[in-house]
């Protein structure tokens, strides 16, 4: 994710904190590996280079959390690509720097995944086209499968084609192909306000319609209308040997948003 001082006050605070931690790492301070000081960068630095001790790049699988390897959880990094970071810098579009990744949960150590989750921030269809293309080229098509897919950019039409949608009404073939990697019974989640056929957008009603064509109306979920439109609730998925299952009850503040009942190279 890219955080800008201009985006909001919180974004500026996070950016300053990241710089503080990066400075400790660059200075080889013994404090850099302590809790509250660690940092990992997904992608490349401003010189389009990377330090393997600090950065994770597309094509890598990450299974270490706070210095401890997990046999049950892994993260495969699809993007950002160098070319999209350059495009984002040239166009002053931070969305091109979005992290795209597949998270896999397994029930047995290094076992087959029981649940796969793909998220891509605000990445546009140009990024998803490359993700699809690179995965095929590098034999990583298994990293395209998903049980849960977070609709990019708050259910924006930019996943399917350029905006405005009225001028680009036809979804790109590769966007539709990507959705075909959904596992049986998969859900698409729109983290957005209520999706209506009107402006302003996103969320785009046309994007919602395309998603529903792929998974059906019942398996397309909108956070703004989950449980009760007047009092929305977080979507809570329980993951077990049968995969993820959406829980119907509301959660309390003491419960985690994602309940997991199981124990807890590179292309450019």
C-alpha atoms as a PDB file:
ATOM      1  CA  UNK A   1       0.000   0.000   0.000  1.00  0.00           C
ATOM      2  CA  UNK A   2       1.153   3.539  -0.608  1.00  0.00           C
ATOM      3  CA  UNK A   3       0.493   6.129   2.074  1.00  0.00           C
ATOM      4  CA  UNK A   4       0.473   9.821   1.270  1.00  0.00           C
ATOM      5  CA  UNK A   5       0.568  12.777   3.591  1.00  0.00           C
ATOM      6  CA  UNK A   6      -2.068  14.339   1.340  1.00  0.00           C
ATOM      7  CA  UNK A   7      -4.438  11.377   1.592  1.00  0.00           C
ATOM      8  CA  UNK A   8      -5.400  11.799   5.227  1.00  0.00           C
ATOM      9  CA  UNK A   9      -3.892  12.442   8.643  1.00  0.00           C
ATOM     10  CA  UNK A  10      -3.648   8.716   9.387  1.00  0.00           C
ATOM     11  CA  UNK A  11      -1.885   8.078   6.074  1.00  0.00           C
ATOM     12  CA  UNK A  12       0.759  10.661   6.938  1.00  0.00           C
ATOM     13  CA  UNK A  13       1.289   9.113  10.374  1.00  0.00           C
ATOM     14  CA  UNK A  14       1.745   5.641   8.916  1.00  0.00           C
ATOM     15  CA  UNK A  15       4.167   6.989   6.325  1.00  0.00           C
ATOM     16  CA  UNK A  16       6.281   8.668   9.031  1.00  0.00           C
ATOM     17  CA  UNK A  17       6.319   5.493  11.108  1.00  0.00           C
ATOM     18  CA  UNK A  18       7.426   3.411   8.117  1.00  0.00           C
ATOM     19  CA  UNK A  19      10.265   5.864   7.438  1.00  0.00           C
ATOM     20  CA  UNK A  20      11.352   5.668  11.076  1.00  0.00           C
ATOM     21  CA  UNK A  21      11.543   1.880  10.935  1.00  0.00           C
ATOM     22  CA  UNK A  22      13.307   1.922   7.550  1.00  0.00           C
ATOM     23  CA  UNK A  23      15.929   4.300   8.974  1.00  0.00           C
ATOM     24  CA  UNK A  24      16.682   1.858  11.814  1.00  0.00           C
ATOM     25  CA  UNK A  25      17.132  -0.934   9.261  1.00  0.00           C
ATOM     26  CA  UNK A  26      19.375   1.177   7.011  1.00  0.00           C
ATOM     27  CA  UNK A  27      21.522   2.136   9.992  1.00  0.00           C
ATOM     28  CA  UNK A  28      21.802  -1.564  10.974  1.00  0.00           C
ATOM     29  CA  UNK A  29      20.550  -0.688  14.423  1.00  0.00           C
ATOM     30  CA  UNK A  30      20.062  -3.663  16.792  1.00  0.00           C
ATOM     31  CA  UNK A  31      16.688  -2.091  17.559  1.00  0.00           C
ATOM     32  CA  UNK A  32      15.461  -2.768  14.003  1.00  0.00           C
ATOM     33  CA  UNK A  33      14.553  -6.394  14.735  1.00  0.00           C
ATOM     34  CA  UNK A  34      12.629  -5.730  17.902  1.00  0.00           C
ATOM     35  CA  UNK A  35       8.865  -5.769  18.223  1.00  0.00           C
ATOM     36  CA  UNK A  36       7.427  -2.439  17.107  1.00  0.00           C
ATOM     37  CA  UNK A  37      10.393  -1.659  14.870  1.00  0.00           C
ATOM     38  CA  UNK A  38      10.270  -4.386  12.226  1.00  0.00           C
ATOM     39  CA  UNK A  39       9.356  -3.523   8.653  1.00  0.00           C
ATOM     40  CA  UNK A  40       8.903  -5.450   5.395  1.00  0.00           C
ATOM     41  CA  UNK A  41       8.456  -3.795   2.025  1.00  0.00           C
ATOM     42  CA  UNK A  42       6.434  -5.432  -0.732  1.00  0.00           C
ATOM     43  CA  UNK A  43       7.970  -4.408  -4.048  1.00  0.00           C
ATOM     44  CA  UNK A  44      10.956  -2.279  -4.922  1.00  0.00           C
ATOM     45  CA  UNK A  45      12.534   0.910  -3.628  1.00  0.00           C
ATOM     46  CA  UNK A  46      12.655   4.266  -5.394  1.00  0.00           C
ATOM     47  CA  UNK A  47      15.624   3.088  -7.491  1.00  0.00           C
ATOM     48  CA  UNK A  48      13.605   0.041  -8.622  1.00  0.00           C
ATOM     49  CA  UNK A  49      15.939  -2.239  -6.699  1.00  0.00           C
ATOM     50  CA  UNK A  50      15.423  -4.362  -3.598  1.00  0.00           C
ATOM     51  CA  UNK A  51      17.204  -5.824  -0.591  1.00  0.00           C
ATOM     52  CA  UNK A  52      16.221  -9.461  -0.051  1.00  0.00           C
ATOM     53  CA  UNK A  53      16.553  -8.949   3.708  1.00  0.00           C
ATOM     54  CA  UNK A  54      13.935  -6.206   3.654  1.00  0.00           C
ATOM     55  CA  UNK A  55      11.821  -6.568   0.512  1.00  0.00           C
ATOM     56  CA  UNK A  56       9.465  -9.223  -0.812  1.00  0.00           C
ATOM     57  CA  UNK A  57       8.907  -9.163  -4.556  1.00  0.00           C
ATOM     58  CA  UNK A  58       6.461 -10.731  -7.039  1.00  0.00           C
ATOM     59  CA  UNK A  59       6.858 -14.496  -7.275  1.00  0.00           C
ATOM     60  CA  UNK A  60       7.878 -14.968  -3.638  1.00  0.00           C
ATOM     61  CA  UNK A  61       5.999 -17.000  -1.053  1.00  0.00           C
ATOM     62  CA  UNK A  62       6.088 -15.616   2.473  1.00  0.00           C
ATOM     63  CA  UNK A  63       5.403 -17.981   5.380  1.00  0.00           C
ATOM     64  CA  UNK A  64       7.295 -16.258   8.193  1.00  0.00           C
ATOM     65  CA  UNK A  65       5.447 -14.025  10.646  1.00  0.00           C
ATOM     66  CA  UNK A  66       7.366 -12.062  13.292  1.00  0.00           C
ATOM     67  CA  UNK A  67      10.384 -14.253  12.666  1.00  0.00           C
ATOM     68  CA  UNK A  68       8.508 -17.542  13.066  1.00  0.00           C
ATOM     69  CA  UNK A  69       7.677 -19.840  10.176  1.00  0.00           C
ATOM     70  CA  UNK A  70       4.053 -20.944   9.898  1.00  0.00           C
ATOM     71  CA  UNK A  71       3.297 -24.370   8.368  1.00  0.00           C
ATOM     72  CA  UNK A  72      -0.379 -23.456   8.040  1.00  0.00           C
ATOM     73  CA  UNK A  73      -0.413 -20.005   6.452  1.00  0.00           C
ATOM     74  CA  UNK A  74       1.407 -18.598   3.423  1.00  0.00           C
ATOM     75  CA  UNK A  75       1.233 -15.501   1.250  1.00  0.00           C
ATOM     76  CA  UNK A  76       2.134 -15.587  -2.443  1.00  0.00           C
ATOM     77  CA  UNK A  77       2.991 -12.156  -3.805  1.00  0.00           C
ATOM     78  CA  UNK A  78       1.713 -11.366  -7.313  1.00  0.00           C
ATOM     79  CA  UNK A  79       2.345  -7.605  -7.512  1.00  0.00           C
ATOM     80  CA  UNK A  80       3.383  -4.743  -7.611  1.00  0.00           C
ATOM     81  CA  UNK A  81       5.583  -5.130 -10.672  1.00  0.00           C
ATOM     82  CA  UNK A  82       8.448  -2.781 -11.465  1.00  0.00           C
ATOM     83  CA  UNK A  83       6.699  -1.548 -14.605  1.00  0.00           C
ATOM     84  CA  UNK A  84       3.560  -0.609 -12.657  1.00  0.00           C
ATOM     85  CA  UNK A  85       5.550   1.243 -10.021  1.00  0.00           C
ATOM     86  CA  UNK A  86       7.117   3.271 -12.834  1.00  0.00           C
ATOM     87  CA  UNK A  87       3.684   3.798 -14.400  1.00  0.00           C
ATOM     88  CA  UNK A  88       2.317   4.935 -11.069  1.00  0.00           C
ATOM     89  CA  UNK A  89       5.159   7.400 -10.610  1.00  0.00           C
ATOM     90  CA  UNK A  90       4.738   8.786 -14.131  1.00  0.00           C
ATOM     91  CA  UNK A  91       0.953   9.083 -13.857  1.00  0.00           C
ATOM     92  CA  UNK A  92       0.987  10.070 -10.181  1.00  0.00           C
ATOM     93  CA  UNK A  93      -1.345   7.138  -9.585  1.00  0.00           C
ATOM     94  CA  UNK A  94      -0.597   5.321  -6.330  1.00  0.00           C
ATOM     95  CA  UNK A  95      -3.157   2.626  -7.187  1.00  0.00           C
ATOM     96  CA  UNK A  96      -0.603   1.012  -9.528  1.00  0.00           C
ATOM     97  CA  UNK A  97       1.527   0.248  -6.454  1.00  0.00           C
ATOM     98  CA  UNK A  98      -1.199  -1.875  -4.841  1.00  0.00           C
ATOM     99  CA  UNK A  99      -0.174  -5.207  -3.377  1.00  0.00           C
ATOM    100  CA  UNK A 100      -1.798  -8.216  -5.045  1.00  0.00           C
ATOM    101  CA  UNK A 101      -1.439 -11.487  -3.144  1.00  0.00           C
ATOM    102  CA  UNK A 102      -2.985 -14.883  -2.529  1.00  0.00           C
ATOM    103  CA  UNK A 103      -3.263 -16.035   1.088  1.00  0.00           C
ATOM    104  CA  UNK A 104      -3.512 -19.794   1.615  1.00  0.00           C
ATOM    105  CA  UNK A 105      -4.637 -21.653   4.737  1.00  0.00           C
ATOM    106  CA  UNK A 106      -3.918 -25.354   5.250  1.00  0.00           C
ATOM    107  CA  UNK A 107      -5.070 -27.746   7.953  1.00  0.00           C
ATOM    108  CA  UNK A 108      -1.947 -29.915   8.058  1.00  0.00           C
ATOM    109  CA  UNK A 109       1.677 -28.707   7.930  1.00  0.00           C
ATOM    110  CA  UNK A 110       2.544 -27.963   4.301  1.00  0.00           C
ATOM    111  CA  UNK A 111      -0.724 -29.653   3.317  1.00  0.00           C
ATOM    112  CA  UNK A 112      -3.092 -28.753   0.516  1.00  0.00           C
ATOM    113  CA  UNK A 113      -4.923 -25.471   1.094  1.00  0.00           C
ATOM    114  CA  UNK A 114      -8.411 -25.599   2.566  1.00  0.00           C
ATOM    115  CA  UNK A 115      -9.016 -21.912   1.853  1.00  0.00           C
ATOM    116  CA  UNK A 116      -7.510 -19.346  -0.509  1.00  0.00           C
ATOM    117  CA  UNK A 117      -8.048 -15.604  -0.378  1.00  0.00           C
ATOM    118  CA  UNK A 118      -7.007 -13.105  -3.065  1.00  0.00           C
ATOM    119  CA  UNK A 119      -6.840  -9.363  -2.509  1.00  0.00           C
ATOM    120  CA  UNK A 120      -5.404  -6.619  -4.668  1.00  0.00           C
ATOM    121  CA  UNK A 121      -6.048  -3.251  -3.085  1.00  0.00           C
ATOM    122  CA  UNK A 122      -6.911  -0.711  -5.781  1.00  0.00           C
ATOM    123  CA  UNK A 123      -5.059  -2.480  -8.630  1.00  0.00           C
ATOM    124  CA  UNK A 124      -6.577  -1.817 -12.062  1.00  0.00           C
ATOM    125  CA  UNK A 125      -7.177  -4.231 -14.921  1.00  0.00           C
ATOM    126  CA  UNK A 126      -3.721  -3.593 -16.392  1.00  0.00           C
ATOM    127  CA  UNK A 127      -2.160  -5.037 -13.240  1.00  0.00           C
ATOM    128  CA  UNK A 128      -4.522  -8.027 -13.149  1.00  0.00           C
ATOM    129  CA  UNK A 129      -3.725  -8.780 -16.794  1.00  0.00           C
ATOM    130  CA  UNK A 130      -0.031  -9.039 -15.897  1.00  0.00           C
ATOM    131  CA  UNK A 131      -0.786 -11.158 -12.827  1.00  0.00           C
ATOM    132  CA  UNK A 132      -2.659 -13.624 -15.030  1.00  0.00           C
ATOM    133  CA  UNK A 133       0.015 -13.587 -17.742  1.00  0.00           C
ATOM    134  CA  UNK A 134       2.999 -13.960 -15.375  1.00  0.00           C
ATOM    135  CA  UNK A 135       1.313 -16.744 -13.398  1.00  0.00           C
ATOM    136  CA  UNK A 136       0.778 -18.752 -16.561  1.00  0.00           C
ATOM    137  CA  UNK A 137       4.331 -18.140 -17.793  1.00  0.00           C
ATOM    138  CA  UNK A 138       5.901 -19.197 -14.495  1.00  0.00           C
ATOM    139  CA  UNK A 139       3.730 -22.213 -13.713  1.00  0.00           C
ATOM    140  CA  UNK A 140       1.956 -20.452 -10.862  1.00  0.00           C
ATOM    141  CA  UNK A 141      -1.653 -20.893 -11.940  1.00  0.00           C
ATOM    142  CA  UNK A 142      -2.401 -22.563  -8.591  1.00  0.00           C
ATOM    143  CA  UNK A 143      -1.725 -19.146  -7.053  1.00  0.00           C
ATOM    144  CA  UNK A 144      -4.696 -17.689  -8.954  1.00  0.00           C
ATOM    145  CA  UNK A 145      -7.334 -19.822  -7.238  1.00  0.00           C
ATOM    146  CA  UNK A 146      -9.594 -18.273  -4.643  1.00  0.00           C
ATOM    147  CA  UNK A 147     -12.448 -19.042  -2.280  1.00  0.00           C
ATOM    148  CA  UNK A 148     -12.689 -15.395  -1.239  1.00  0.00           C
ATOM    149  CA  UNK A 149     -11.951 -12.549  -3.633  1.00  0.00           C
ATOM    150  CA  UNK A 150     -11.941  -8.933  -2.466  1.00  0.00           C
ATOM    151  CA  UNK A 151     -13.359  -6.825  -5.303  1.00  0.00           C
ATOM    152  CA  UNK A 152     -10.591  -4.320  -6.190  1.00  0.00           C
ATOM    153  CA  UNK A 153     -10.946  -0.609  -5.509  1.00  0.00           C
ATOM    154  CA  UNK A 154     -14.210  -0.982  -3.581  1.00  0.00           C
ATOM    155  CA  UNK A 155     -16.003  -2.730  -6.456  1.00  0.00           C
ATOM    156  CA  UNK A 156     -14.749  -0.328  -9.120  1.00  0.00           C
ATOM    157  CA  UNK A 157     -15.190  -0.900 -12.848  1.00  0.00           C
ATOM    158  CA  UNK A 158     -11.407  -0.433 -13.111  1.00  0.00           C
ATOM    159  CA  UNK A 159     -10.984  -4.191 -12.520  1.00  0.00           C
ATOM    160  CA  UNK A 160     -12.837  -4.852 -15.777  1.00  0.00           C
ATOM    161  CA  UNK A 161     -11.796  -1.952 -18.023  1.00  0.00           C
ATOM    162  CA  UNK A 162     -10.915   1.744 -18.101  1.00  0.00           C
ATOM    163  CA  UNK A 163     -13.188   4.319 -16.559  1.00  0.00           C
ATOM    164  CA  UNK A 164     -15.621   5.903 -17.084  1.00  0.00           C
ATOM    165  CA  UNK A 165     -17.590   2.710 -17.490  1.00  0.00           C
ATOM    166  CA  UNK A 166     -20.024   4.367 -19.896  1.00  0.00           C
ATOM    167  CA  UNK A 167     -17.179   4.867 -22.395  1.00  0.00           C
ATOM    168  CA  UNK A 168     -15.708   1.380 -21.830  1.00  0.00           C
ATOM    169  CA  UNK A 169     -18.744  -0.847 -21.284  1.00  0.00           C
ATOM    170  CA  UNK A 170     -17.191  -4.205 -22.280  1.00  0.00           C
ATOM    171  CA  UNK A 171     -15.188  -6.169 -19.687  1.00  0.00           C
ATOM    172  CA  UNK A 172     -11.717  -7.240 -20.784  1.00  0.00           C
ATOM    173  CA  UNK A 173     -11.494 -10.974 -21.495  1.00  0.00           C
ATOM    174  CA  UNK A 174      -8.608 -11.440 -19.065  1.00  0.00           C
ATOM    175  CA  UNK A 175     -10.600  -9.916 -16.204  1.00  0.00           C
ATOM    176  CA  UNK A 176     -13.401 -12.415 -16.768  1.00  0.00           C
ATOM    177  CA  UNK A 177     -10.845 -15.226 -17.125  1.00  0.00           C
ATOM    178  CA  UNK A 178      -9.284 -14.309 -13.798  1.00  0.00           C
ATOM    179  CA  UNK A 179     -12.643 -14.712 -12.078  1.00  0.00           C
ATOM    180  CA  UNK A 180     -12.923 -18.207 -13.561  1.00  0.00           C
ATOM    181  CA  UNK A 181     -10.166 -19.315 -11.154  1.00  0.00           C
ATOM    182  CA  UNK A 182     -12.663 -19.090  -8.308  1.00  0.00           C
ATOM    183  CA  UNK A 183     -13.170 -22.377  -6.462  1.00  0.00           C
ATOM    184  CA  UNK A 184     -16.612 -23.932  -6.239  1.00  0.00           C
ATOM    185  CA  UNK A 185     -18.766 -21.957  -3.829  1.00  0.00           C
ATOM    186  CA  UNK A 186     -16.392 -18.986  -3.764  1.00  0.00           C
ATOM    187  CA  UNK A 187     -17.506 -15.566  -2.522  1.00  0.00           C
ATOM    188  CA  UNK A 188     -16.712 -12.126  -3.936  1.00  0.00           C
ATOM    189  CA  UNK A 189     -16.676  -9.385  -1.309  1.00  0.00           C
ATOM    190  CA  UNK A 190     -17.215  -5.696  -2.013  1.00  0.00           C
ATOM    191  CA  UNK A 191     -15.826  -3.567   0.794  1.00  0.00           C
ATOM    192  CA  UNK A 192     -17.823  -0.474  -0.022  1.00  0.00           C
ATOM    193  CA  UNK A 193     -20.903   1.554   0.636  1.00  0.00           C
ATOM    194  CA  UNK A 194     -24.225   0.202  -0.626  1.00  0.00           C
ATOM    195  CA  UNK A 195     -23.953  -0.459  -4.354  1.00  0.00           C
ATOM    196  CA  UNK A 196     -26.629   1.395  -6.282  1.00  0.00           C
ATOM    197  CA  UNK A 197     -27.162   2.178  -9.957  1.00  0.00           C
ATOM    198  CA  UNK A 198     -26.245   5.829  -9.639  1.00  0.00           C
ATOM    199  CA  UNK A 199     -23.318   8.196  -9.238  1.00  0.00           C
ATOM    200  CA  UNK A 200     -20.939   8.930  -7.594  1.00  0.00           C
ATOM    201  CA  UNK A 201     -18.951   5.742  -7.970  1.00  0.00           C
ATOM    202  CA  UNK A 202     -17.140   3.499  -7.160  1.00  0.00           C
ATOM    203  CA  UNK A 203     -18.758   1.259  -6.218  1.00  0.00           C
ATOM    204  CA  UNK A 204     -19.950   0.606  -9.758  1.00  0.00           C
ATOM    205  CA  UNK A 205     -23.260  -1.161 -10.234  1.00  0.00           C
ATOM    206  CA  UNK A 206     -22.006  -2.606 -13.545  1.00  0.00           C
ATOM    207  CA  UNK A 207     -19.062  -4.217 -11.729  1.00  0.00           C
ATOM    208  CA  UNK A 208     -21.440  -5.773  -9.220  1.00  0.00           C
ATOM    209  CA  UNK A 209     -23.478  -7.224 -12.093  1.00  0.00           C
ATOM    210  CA  UNK A 210     -20.370  -8.794 -13.660  1.00  0.00           C
ATOM    211  CA  UNK A 211     -19.332 -10.345 -10.352  1.00  0.00           C
ATOM    212  CA  UNK A 212     -22.808 -11.732  -9.807  1.00  0.00           C
ATOM    213  CA  UNK A 213     -22.724 -13.346 -13.243  1.00  0.00           C
ATOM    214  CA  UNK A 214     -19.690 -15.328 -12.079  1.00  0.00           C
ATOM    215  CA  UNK A 215     -20.682 -16.393  -8.568  1.00  0.00           C
ATOM    216  CA  UNK A 216     -24.410 -15.730  -8.359  1.00  0.00           C
ATOM    217  CA  UNK A 217     -26.296 -13.109  -6.378  1.00  0.00           C
ATOM    218  CA  UNK A 218     -26.162 -15.087  -3.122  1.00  0.00           C
ATOM    219  CA  UNK A 219     -22.355 -15.342  -3.127  1.00  0.00           C
ATOM    220  CA  UNK A 220     -21.671 -11.676  -3.831  1.00  0.00           C
ATOM    221  CA  UNK A 221     -21.364  -9.890  -0.496  1.00  0.00           C
ATOM    222  CA  UNK A 222     -21.412  -6.167   0.224  1.00  0.00           C
ATOM    223  CA  UNK A 223     -20.084  -5.044   3.614  1.00  0.00           C
ATOM    224  CA  UNK A 224     -22.510  -2.102   3.737  1.00  0.00           C
ATOM    225  CA  UNK A 225     -25.571  -4.329   3.606  1.00  0.00           C
ATOM    226  CA  UNK A 226     -24.348  -7.407   5.480  1.00  0.00           C
ATOM    227  CA  UNK A 227     -26.814  -8.510   8.198  1.00  0.00           C
ATOM    228  CA  UNK A 228     -28.580  -5.143   8.428  1.00  0.00           C
ATOM    229  CA  UNK A 229     -28.213  -2.182   6.080  1.00  0.00           C
ATOM    230  CA  UNK A 230     -28.896   0.215   8.951  1.00  0.00           C
ATOM    231  CA  UNK A 231     -26.315  -1.482  11.179  1.00  0.00           C
ATOM    232  CA  UNK A 232     -23.804  -3.342   8.949  1.00  0.00           C
ATOM    233  CA  UNK A 233     -21.646  -6.064  10.478  1.00  0.00           C
ATOM    234  CA  UNK A 234     -18.194  -7.330   9.451  1.00  0.00           C
ATOM    235  CA  UNK A 235     -18.146 -10.474   7.355  1.00  0.00           C
ATOM    236  CA  UNK A 236     -16.811 -13.293   9.534  1.00  0.00           C
ATOM    237  CA  UNK A 237     -15.587 -16.493   7.898  1.00  0.00           C
ATOM    238  CA  UNK A 238     -14.844 -19.681   9.823  1.00  0.00           C
ATOM    239  CA  UNK A 239     -12.205 -21.792   8.091  1.00  0.00           C
ATOM    240  CA  UNK A 240     -12.069 -25.540   8.677  1.00  0.00           C
ATOM    241  CA  UNK A 241     -11.404 -28.680   6.623  1.00  0.00           C
ATOM    242  CA  UNK A 242     -14.445 -27.825   4.473  1.00  0.00           C
ATOM    243  CA  UNK A 243     -13.133 -24.383   3.555  1.00  0.00           C
ATOM    244  CA  UNK A 244     -14.424 -20.941   4.585  1.00  0.00           C
ATOM    245  CA  UNK A 245     -17.978 -20.565   5.807  1.00  0.00           C
ATOM    246  CA  UNK A 246     -19.673 -17.221   6.342  1.00  0.00           C
ATOM    247  CA  UNK A 247     -20.977 -16.877   9.889  1.00  0.00           C
ATOM    248  CA  UNK A 248     -24.431 -15.419  10.362  1.00  0.00           C
ATOM    249  CA  UNK A 249     -24.133 -14.037  13.866  1.00  0.00           C
ATOM    250  CA  UNK A 250     -22.771 -10.599  14.641  1.00  0.00           C
ATOM    251  CA  UNK A 251     -19.418 -10.416  16.393  1.00  0.00           C
ATOM    252  CA  UNK A 252     -18.463  -8.737  19.629  1.00  0.00           C
ATOM    253  CA  UNK A 253     -15.472  -6.478  20.173  1.00  0.00           C
ATOM    254  CA  UNK A 254     -13.587  -9.339  21.838  1.00  0.00           C
ATOM    255  CA  UNK A 255     -13.942 -11.637  18.825  1.00  0.00           C
ATOM    256  CA  UNK A 256     -11.589 -11.615  15.874  1.00  0.00           C
ATOM    257  CA  UNK A 257     -12.822 -10.540  12.440  1.00  0.00           C
ATOM    258  CA  UNK A 258     -11.372 -13.668  10.829  1.00  0.00           C
ATOM    259  CA  UNK A 259     -11.834 -16.851  12.862  1.00  0.00           C
ATOM    260  CA  UNK A 260      -9.596 -19.718  11.826  1.00  0.00           C
ATOM    261  CA  UNK A 261     -10.226 -23.116  13.384  1.00  0.00           C
ATOM    262  CA  UNK A 262      -6.993 -24.671  12.070  1.00  0.00           C
ATOM    263  CA  UNK A 263      -3.674 -24.462  14.033  1.00  0.00           C
ATOM    264  CA  UNK A 264      -1.972 -21.719  13.457  1.00  0.00           C
ATOM    265  CA  UNK A 265      10.572 -17.208  -7.025  1.00  0.00           C
ATOM    266  CA  UNK A 266      10.552 -14.603  -8.347  1.00  0.00           C
ATOM    267  CA  UNK A 267       9.238 -13.138 -11.573  1.00  0.00           C
ATOM    268  CA  UNK A 268       9.407  -9.441 -12.415  1.00  0.00           C
END
